[in-house]
Amino acid sequence: MQVGILGFARSGKTTIFNAATRGSATVSPTGRGGGGKPNIGVAKMHDPRIDKLVEMHRAPKRVPAEVVYVDMPGAPEGFGKSVGITGELLNHLQKCDALMLVARAFDDPSVPNDREDVDPARDIEAMVTEVVFSDLAILEKRLQRVKDSFKGAKATERDTLEKEQALLIRIQGELEAGKPVKDQALTADERKALQGYKFLTDKPLVAIANIGEEALPRVQAVEEQLRAKFEARGIGTAAVCGKLEMELAQMAPEEEAEFRRSMGAGESGLNRMVRLCYDALGQLTFFTAGPKEVHAWTVARGSDAFAAAGRIHSDIQRGFIRAEIMGYEDFVACGSEAAARKRGLLRQEGKTYIVQDGDILNVLFSI
C-alpha cells in the first residue's frame, strides 16, 4: 500500500512524512521545485493485537503491517491555480494507491506563507481541484486521439472507438459535475478498460491539517470542521502537529510515551495517519501466528481466503487446500489454539470464505 503526500510550498508535508515514517528527510527551506526524486519511507502500523499474540505464542519475531509513504517533490509553479498536475509529479502520483493532501494550518513567522493566509480547508479544496483538472486533461487528450483515429478506421475499429468515446464523454461529464471517477457507476469491464489511464480521482483521498503546537487543545474542533466539509465527499481528514510529531518520532518509544503524557499530545500522528489510510483504502488486517513469528497482513475488505493466501505467498495460494481460521478475540478468550479447537471456534473454511478483520489464518496447501 503506497500513499503519495502532496502539498503546497511550506505546508510541512515533508515534516508530516518524517513524522509518519520516523524518517529524517531534509525539509526544503522553500518547498518549491516540482523536480527531483520523492522521499520514500515505511510506516509500521501499531496494533496492540500483535503484542498480545506475541505474548501468547512466545514468538521471538513480529512483523507489523506497513504503509509506504512517498513524499512528492515540491509543487510546481502554478500549482493551486486550476492548471492540473503534469509531468514527473503526475507520474509519481499515478503510481500511488492513495493520495494524502497536507494543508498548512499553523502560524509561524519564521516560515513564510505563499498563500494569502492560513486556511487549510481552502488549500485542501484547491488541491482536490488540481487532481480533478489533471484527470480532465487526460480525458481531453485521449478524446482528441480517439477523434483523430476515426479517420481511415475500418468498420470494426470504428465500433470500438465509438464505445471508448462514449465512455470517456460520460466520465468527463460526471467529473465536471463533481463526481470523482472512483464514485462513478462503472461496470467491471469499464473499470478494467480504464486501468491504463490511472486517473487520480479514482484513488482514495485523505487530508491532513498541519497544526501548530498552540492548537493541540483544539485538535478535535479542527477535525470536526474538516469532517463537516469533506467527509460527505469520501475524503478522510485529521489534524496533526507535524513539527511535534517529527520530534517525538526520533525518541525512544518509552521516552516518547512519557513526553506525550506530559504534553497531552494524545495518540501518535503516525498511528492516526496510518489508520486513516487503511480506512480510505478499505483495508483490514489478518494474522498468521505461531511460536516462531506473528505476522500482520493487509487485504481489501471483502476479500476471500484465497486472496488472503496470495498475500502470504503465491505458492500458498496456488496450492490452497483449506484454511483453519479463528477470530482474534476467540483465541484470546480461549487462551490457546487447542482450547479454541475444542470449543469449535477454530473453523475449517474454503477459498470463498470472506476474511474478517482480526482473523488468524493457517492455510493448508500442497504444491
Protein backbone atom coordinates (compact mmCIF):
# COMPACT_ATOMS: atom_id res chain seq x y z
CA MET A 1 0.00 0.00 0.00
CA GLN A 2 1.62 3.21 -1.23
CA VAL A 3 0.42 6.68 -0.24
CA GLY A 4 1.61 9.81 -2.05
CA ILE A 5 1.96 13.02 0.03
CA LEU A 6 1.14 16.25 -1.78
CA GLY A 7 1.06 19.83 -0.50
CA PHE A 8 1.69 23.49 -1.24
CA ALA A 9 5.07 25.08 -0.59
CA ARG A 10 5.82 25.39 3.13
CA SER A 11 2.80 23.35 4.15
CA GLY A 12 5.05 21.00 6.13
CA LYS A 13 4.40 17.91 4.02
CA THR A 14 7.97 16.63 4.43
CA THR A 15 7.68 17.21 8.17
CA ILE A 16 4.49 15.12 8.13
CA PHE A 17 6.35 12.48 6.09
CA ASN A 18 9.14 12.36 8.69
CA ALA A 19 6.58 12.08 11.49
CA ALA A 20 4.76 9.23 9.76
CA THR A 21 7.87 7.23 8.84
CA ARG A 22 10.16 8.22 11.74
CA GLY A 23 12.42 9.46 8.99
CA SER A 24 14.86 12.34 8.62
CA ALA A 25 14.30 13.61 5.10
CA THR A 26 15.62 17.13 4.54
CA VAL A 27 12.90 19.75 4.87
CA SER A 28 13.21 22.18 1.95
CA PRO A 29 13.52 25.83 3.01
CA THR A 30 11.35 26.88 0.05
CA GLY A 31 9.14 23.85 -0.55
CA ARG A 32 9.35 24.69 -4.25
CA GLY A 33 10.50 22.77 -7.26
CA GLY A 34 8.43 20.08 -8.89
CA GLY A 35 11.55 18.21 -9.95
CA GLY A 36 13.86 15.80 -8.20
CA LYS A 37 13.15 12.47 -6.63
CA PRO A 38 10.49 11.83 -3.98
CA ASN A 39 11.32 10.75 -0.43
CA ILE A 40 10.17 7.20 0.27
CA GLY A 41 9.66 5.75 3.75
CA VAL A 42 7.82 2.96 5.52
CA ALA A 43 5.46 3.36 8.46
CA LYS A 44 4.81 0.32 10.61
CA MET A 45 1.26 0.16 11.93
CA HIS A 46 0.96 -0.08 15.68
CA ASP A 47 -1.52 -2.83 16.52
CA PRO A 48 -1.78 -3.98 20.15
CA ARG A 49 -3.17 -7.30 18.92
CA ILE A 50 0.31 -8.21 17.67
CA ASP A 51 1.74 -7.65 21.15
CA LYS A 52 -0.86 -9.99 22.65
CA LEU A 53 -0.29 -12.69 20.04
CA VAL A 54 3.48 -12.48 20.51
CA GLU A 55 2.99 -12.83 24.26
CA MET A 56 0.67 -15.83 23.93
CA HIS A 57 2.81 -17.64 21.37
CA ARG A 58 6.10 -16.53 22.96
CA ALA A 59 7.19 -15.72 19.42
CA PRO A 60 10.64 -14.13 19.01
CA LYS A 61 9.65 -12.25 15.84
CA ARG A 62 6.85 -9.83 14.96
CA VAL A 63 6.08 -8.29 11.57
CA PRO A 64 3.55 -5.43 11.70
CA ALA A 65 1.54 -4.24 8.72
CA GLU A 66 3.17 -1.44 6.74
CA VAL A 67 2.31 1.61 4.68
CA VAL A 68 4.79 3.07 2.19
CA TYR A 69 4.69 6.88 2.13
CA VAL A 70 6.01 8.83 -0.86
CA ASP A 71 6.77 12.49 -0.17
CA MET A 72 6.38 14.15 -3.55
CA PRO A 73 8.91 16.69 -4.87
CA GLY A 74 7.96 20.33 -4.29
CA ALA A 75 4.84 21.58 -6.01
CA PRO A 76 5.49 23.13 -9.46
CA GLU A 77 4.83 26.75 -10.38
CA GLY A 78 1.13 27.39 -10.93
CA PHE A 79 0.03 24.60 -8.60
CA GLY A 80 -3.21 25.65 -6.95
CA LYS A 81 -4.35 27.82 -9.86
CA SER A 82 -6.52 25.19 -11.59
CA VAL A 83 -3.86 24.15 -14.09
CA GLY A 84 -3.79 20.47 -13.17
CA ILE A 85 -0.85 18.20 -12.42
CA THR A 86 1.51 17.14 -15.20
CA GLY A 87 4.98 15.80 -15.88
CA GLU A 88 7.03 13.86 -13.36
CA LEU A 89 4.80 14.82 -10.45
CA LEU A 90 1.80 13.27 -12.19
CA ASN A 91 3.82 10.14 -12.97
CA HIS A 92 4.79 9.77 -9.30
CA LEU A 93 1.22 10.26 -8.09
CA GLN A 94 -0.22 7.79 -10.60
CA LYS A 95 1.89 5.02 -9.08
CA CYS A 96 0.36 5.52 -5.63
CA ASP A 97 -2.68 3.69 -4.22
CA ALA A 98 -3.95 6.74 -2.33
CA LEU A 99 -3.15 10.45 -2.02
CA MET A 100 -2.58 12.42 1.17
CA LEU A 101 -3.12 16.17 0.88
CA VAL A 102 -1.23 18.19 3.51
CA ALA A 103 -2.51 21.70 4.22
CA ARG A 104 -0.82 24.35 6.35
CA ALA A 105 -2.81 25.14 9.50
CA PHE A 106 -0.07 26.77 11.57
CA ASP A 107 1.15 30.35 12.02
CA ASP A 108 4.92 30.71 12.14
CA PRO A 109 6.62 33.99 11.13
CA SER A 110 9.88 32.11 10.54
CA VAL A 111 8.20 30.03 7.81
CA PRO A 112 6.84 32.43 5.16
CA ASN A 113 3.44 31.56 3.73
CA ASP A 114 2.95 31.81 -0.03
CA ARG A 115 -0.82 31.66 0.39
CA GLU A 116 -2.70 34.84 1.35
CA ASP A 117 -3.48 33.48 4.82
CA VAL A 118 -3.77 30.22 6.76
CA ASP A 119 -6.88 28.34 5.63
CA PRO A 120 -6.46 24.53 5.50
CA ALA A 121 -9.96 23.88 4.13
CA ARG A 122 -9.35 26.26 1.25
CA ASP A 123 -5.97 24.69 0.46
CA ILE A 124 -7.38 21.15 0.56
CA GLU A 125 -10.15 22.24 -1.80
CA ALA A 126 -7.59 23.78 -4.15
CA MET A 127 -5.55 20.56 -4.24
CA VAL A 128 -8.67 18.49 -4.91
CA THR A 129 -9.39 20.83 -7.83
CA GLU A 130 -5.89 20.23 -9.21
CA VAL A 131 -6.45 16.48 -9.02
CA VAL A 132 -9.75 16.85 -10.92
CA PHE A 133 -8.19 19.10 -13.59
CA SER A 134 -5.43 16.54 -14.12
CA ASP A 135 -7.99 13.86 -14.96
CA LEU A 136 -9.93 16.23 -17.21
CA ALA A 137 -6.73 16.99 -19.12
CA ILE A 138 -6.07 13.26 -19.59
CA LEU A 139 -9.64 12.78 -20.84
CA GLU A 140 -9.39 15.70 -23.24
CA LYS A 141 -6.15 14.43 -24.77
CA ARG A 142 -7.49 10.89 -25.14
CA LEU A 143 -10.76 12.07 -26.67
CA GLN A 144 -8.81 14.06 -29.24
CA ARG A 145 -6.75 10.96 -30.11
CA VAL A 146 -9.91 8.91 -30.47
CA LYS A 147 -11.41 11.57 -32.74
CA ASP A 148 -8.28 11.58 -34.91
CA SER A 149 -8.33 7.76 -35.06
CA PHE A 150 -11.73 7.76 -36.77
CA LYS A 151 -10.05 8.98 -39.94
CA GLY A 152 -9.39 5.93 -42.07
CA ALA A 153 -10.60 3.47 -39.40
CA LYS A 154 -12.24 0.23 -40.53
CA ALA A 155 -15.84 -0.60 -39.57
CA THR A 156 -14.79 -2.94 -36.74
CA GLU A 157 -12.32 -0.38 -35.44
CA ARG A 158 -14.93 2.38 -35.57
CA ASP A 159 -17.24 0.36 -33.32
CA THR A 160 -14.50 0.03 -30.68
CA LEU A 161 -13.62 3.71 -30.95
CA GLU A 162 -17.27 4.75 -30.60
CA LYS A 163 -17.64 2.73 -27.41
CA GLU A 164 -14.47 4.21 -25.93
CA GLN A 165 -15.53 7.72 -26.93
CA ALA A 166 -18.97 7.32 -25.35
CA LEU A 167 -17.44 6.01 -22.11
CA LEU A 168 -14.88 8.84 -21.88
CA ILE A 169 -17.51 11.51 -22.59
CA ARG A 170 -19.73 10.07 -19.86
CA ILE A 171 -16.85 10.03 -17.36
CA GLN A 172 -15.88 13.56 -18.36
CA GLY A 173 -19.41 14.84 -17.80
CA GLU A 174 -19.71 13.28 -14.35
CA LEU A 175 -16.26 14.52 -13.36
CA GLU A 176 -17.17 18.07 -14.41
CA ALA A 177 -20.32 17.70 -12.30
CA GLY A 178 -18.20 16.97 -9.24
CA LYS A 179 -18.22 13.17 -9.13
CA PRO A 180 -14.71 11.59 -8.99
CA VAL A 181 -14.03 8.53 -11.11
CA LYS A 182 -13.95 6.25 -8.06
CA ASP A 183 -17.58 7.16 -7.24
CA GLN A 184 -18.96 6.83 -10.76
CA ALA A 185 -21.25 3.92 -11.67
CA LEU A 186 -19.00 1.84 -13.91
CA THR A 187 -19.22 -1.83 -14.80
CA ALA A 188 -16.35 -4.22 -14.08
CA ASP A 189 -15.48 -4.24 -17.80
CA GLU A 190 -15.48 -0.44 -17.95
CA ARG A 191 -13.21 -0.17 -14.90
CA LYS A 192 -10.86 -2.71 -16.46
CA ALA A 193 -10.78 -0.68 -19.68
CA LEU A 194 -9.85 2.45 -17.69
CA GLN A 195 -6.96 0.95 -15.70
CA GLY A 196 -4.35 2.27 -18.10
CA TYR A 197 -5.49 5.88 -17.63
CA LYS A 198 -4.52 5.88 -13.94
CA PHE A 199 -6.98 8.64 -13.05
CA LEU A 200 -6.07 10.45 -9.82
CA THR A 201 -9.74 10.84 -8.83
CA ASP A 202 -10.00 7.05 -8.92
CA LYS A 203 -7.74 6.96 -5.84
CA PRO A 204 -8.86 7.47 -2.22
CA LEU A 205 -8.00 10.88 -0.77
CA VAL A 206 -7.08 11.77 2.80
CA ALA A 207 -6.36 15.28 4.03
CA ILE A 208 -4.11 16.35 6.92
CA ALA A 209 -4.25 19.80 8.54
CA ASN A 210 -0.73 20.50 9.81
CA ILE A 211 -1.38 22.46 13.01
CA GLY A 212 0.98 24.27 15.41
CA GLU A 213 1.63 23.20 19.00
CA GLU A 214 -0.59 26.00 20.31
CA ALA A 215 -3.56 24.38 18.54
CA LEU A 216 -3.19 20.97 20.23
CA PRO A 217 -6.05 21.67 22.69
CA ARG A 218 -8.29 22.38 19.68
CA VAL A 219 -7.48 19.27 17.63
CA GLN A 220 -10.99 17.87 17.98
CA ALA A 221 -12.60 21.14 16.90
CA VAL A 222 -10.32 21.44 13.85
CA GLU A 223 -11.07 17.86 12.83
CA GLU A 224 -14.81 18.37 13.22
CA GLN A 225 -14.65 21.39 10.91
CA LEU A 226 -12.77 19.39 8.29
CA ARG A 227 -15.12 16.43 8.55
CA ALA A 228 -18.14 18.69 8.09
CA LYS A 229 -16.68 19.92 4.81
CA PHE A 230 -15.08 16.81 3.33
CA GLU A 231 -16.47 13.63 4.91
CA ALA A 232 -19.56 13.51 2.65
CA ARG A 233 -17.20 13.54 -0.34
CA GLY A 234 -15.34 10.49 0.92
CA ILE A 235 -12.20 12.38 1.96
CA GLY A 236 -10.79 11.25 5.31
CA THR A 237 -9.38 14.06 7.46
CA ALA A 238 -7.20 14.57 10.54
CA ALA A 239 -5.30 17.36 12.31
CA VAL A 240 -1.68 16.63 13.20
CA CYS A 241 1.11 18.77 14.64
CA GLY A 242 3.82 17.73 12.21
CA LYS A 243 6.69 19.54 13.93
CA LEU A 244 5.97 17.99 17.33
CA GLU A 245 5.29 14.56 15.86
CA MET A 246 8.57 14.63 13.91
CA GLU A 247 10.47 15.44 17.09
CA LEU A 248 8.68 12.73 19.08
CA ALA A 249 9.28 10.18 16.33
CA GLN A 250 13.03 10.45 16.92
CA MET A 251 12.69 9.47 20.60
CA ALA A 252 12.83 6.01 22.13
CA PRO A 253 9.30 4.54 22.49
CA GLU A 254 9.27 4.78 26.30
CA GLU A 255 10.54 8.37 26.26
CA GLU A 256 8.02 9.30 23.58
CA ALA A 257 5.11 7.82 25.56
CA GLU A 258 6.11 9.77 28.69
CA PHE A 259 6.51 13.00 26.74
CA ARG A 260 3.09 12.55 25.13
CA ARG A 261 1.50 12.16 28.53
CA SER A 262 3.17 15.33 29.83
CA MET A 263 2.29 17.33 26.70
CA GLY A 264 -1.21 15.95 26.31
CA ALA A 265 -0.28 15.09 22.72
CA GLY A 266 -2.51 12.00 22.66
CA GLU A 267 -2.16 9.17 20.17
CA SER A 268 0.80 9.45 17.80
CA GLY A 269 0.26 11.12 14.45
CA LEU A 270 1.88 8.10 12.83
CA ASN A 271 -0.82 5.76 14.13
CA ARG A 272 -3.68 8.10 13.25
CA MET A 273 -2.42 8.69 9.71
CA VAL A 274 -1.78 5.01 9.04
CA ARG A 275 -5.27 4.14 10.26
CA LEU A 276 -6.76 6.91 8.13
CA CYS A 277 -5.02 5.50 5.04
CA TYR A 278 -6.17 1.96 5.87
CA ASP A 279 -9.76 3.15 6.15
CA ALA A 280 -9.55 5.15 2.92
CA LEU A 281 -8.21 2.14 1.03
CA GLY A 282 -10.76 -0.20 2.59
CA GLN A 283 -8.11 -2.46 4.13
CA LEU A 284 -8.36 -4.89 7.03
CA THR A 285 -5.75 -6.79 8.99
CA PHE A 286 -5.47 -10.55 9.41
CA PHE A 287 -2.72 -12.53 11.13
CA THR A 288 -0.59 -15.60 10.81
CA ALA A 289 0.72 -16.57 14.23
CA GLY A 290 2.86 -19.32 15.73
CA PRO A 291 5.81 -19.98 18.02
CA LYS A 292 8.30 -18.55 15.50
CA GLU A 293 6.57 -15.43 14.22
CA VAL A 294 3.46 -13.27 14.42
CA HIS A 295 2.79 -11.52 11.11
CA ALA A 296 0.11 -8.92 10.34
CA TRP A 297 -1.15 -8.84 6.75
CA THR A 298 -3.46 -6.44 4.96
CA VAL A 299 -6.08 -7.24 2.37
CA ALA A 300 -9.01 -5.34 0.88
CA ARG A 301 -12.30 -5.67 2.74
CA GLY A 302 -14.48 -8.29 1.10
CA SER A 303 -11.50 -10.43 0.05
CA ASP A 304 -11.78 -14.19 0.33
CA ALA A 305 -9.42 -16.72 1.91
CA PHE A 306 -7.89 -17.49 -1.49
CA ALA A 307 -6.88 -13.85 -1.96
CA ALA A 308 -5.54 -13.71 1.61
CA ALA A 309 -3.40 -16.79 0.89
CA GLY A 310 -1.91 -14.93 -2.05
CA ARG A 311 -0.88 -12.08 0.24
CA ILE A 312 1.12 -14.56 2.32
CA HIS A 313 2.80 -16.30 -0.63
CA SER A 314 1.91 -17.11 -4.23
CA ASP A 315 2.81 -20.79 -3.69
CA ILE A 316 0.41 -20.99 -0.74
CA GLN A 317 -2.35 -19.55 -2.91
CA ARG A 318 -1.53 -21.87 -5.81
CA GLY A 319 -1.67 -24.97 -3.65
CA PHE A 320 -4.58 -23.83 -1.44
CA ILE A 321 -6.47 -26.74 0.17
CA ARG A 322 -8.34 -25.09 3.02
CA ALA A 323 -7.85 -22.53 5.76
CA GLU A 324 -8.06 -23.00 9.53
CA ILE A 325 -9.48 -19.77 10.90
CA MET A 326 -10.29 -18.34 14.30
CA GLY A 327 -11.06 -14.80 15.37
CA TYR A 328 -8.54 -12.87 17.44
CA GLU A 329 -11.00 -12.31 20.29
CA ASP A 330 -11.93 -16.02 20.35
CA PHE A 331 -8.27 -17.03 20.50
CA VAL A 332 -7.52 -14.65 23.37
CA ALA A 333 -10.62 -15.78 25.28
CA CYS A 334 -9.70 -19.45 24.87
CA GLY A 335 -6.05 -18.96 25.71
CA SER A 336 -4.69 -21.42 23.15
CA GLU A 337 -5.32 -22.92 19.74
CA ALA A 338 -6.09 -26.31 21.29
CA ALA A 339 -8.77 -24.79 23.53
CA ALA A 340 -10.27 -22.90 20.59
CA ARG A 341 -10.41 -26.10 18.55
CA LYS A 342 -12.05 -27.97 21.42
CA ARG A 343 -14.73 -25.30 21.73
CA GLY A 344 -15.40 -25.33 17.99
CA LEU A 345 -14.01 -21.84 17.45
CA LEU A 346 -11.26 -22.99 15.09
CA ARG A 347 -13.11 -23.39 11.79
CA GLN A 348 -12.28 -25.10 8.53
CA GLU A 349 -13.04 -22.79 5.59
CA GLY A 350 -12.66 -22.96 1.82
CA LYS A 351 -11.45 -20.49 -0.79
CA THR A 352 -14.62 -18.41 -0.81
CA TYR A 353 -14.66 -17.59 2.92
CA ILE A 354 -14.70 -13.78 3.36
CA VAL A 355 -11.85 -12.77 5.65
CA GLN A 356 -12.77 -10.63 8.67
CA ASP A 357 -10.60 -8.07 10.47
CA GLY A 358 -8.58 -9.82 13.17
CA ASP A 359 -8.88 -13.32 11.70
CA ILE A 360 -5.96 -15.64 12.44
CA LEU A 361 -5.29 -17.86 9.43
CA ASN A 362 -3.42 -21.08 8.99
CA VAL A 363 -3.58 -22.01 5.31
CA LEU A 364 -3.09 -25.68 4.42
CA PHE A 365 -1.64 -26.12 0.94
CA SER A 366 0.08 -28.59 -1.35
CA ILE A 367 2.35 -27.91 -4.32
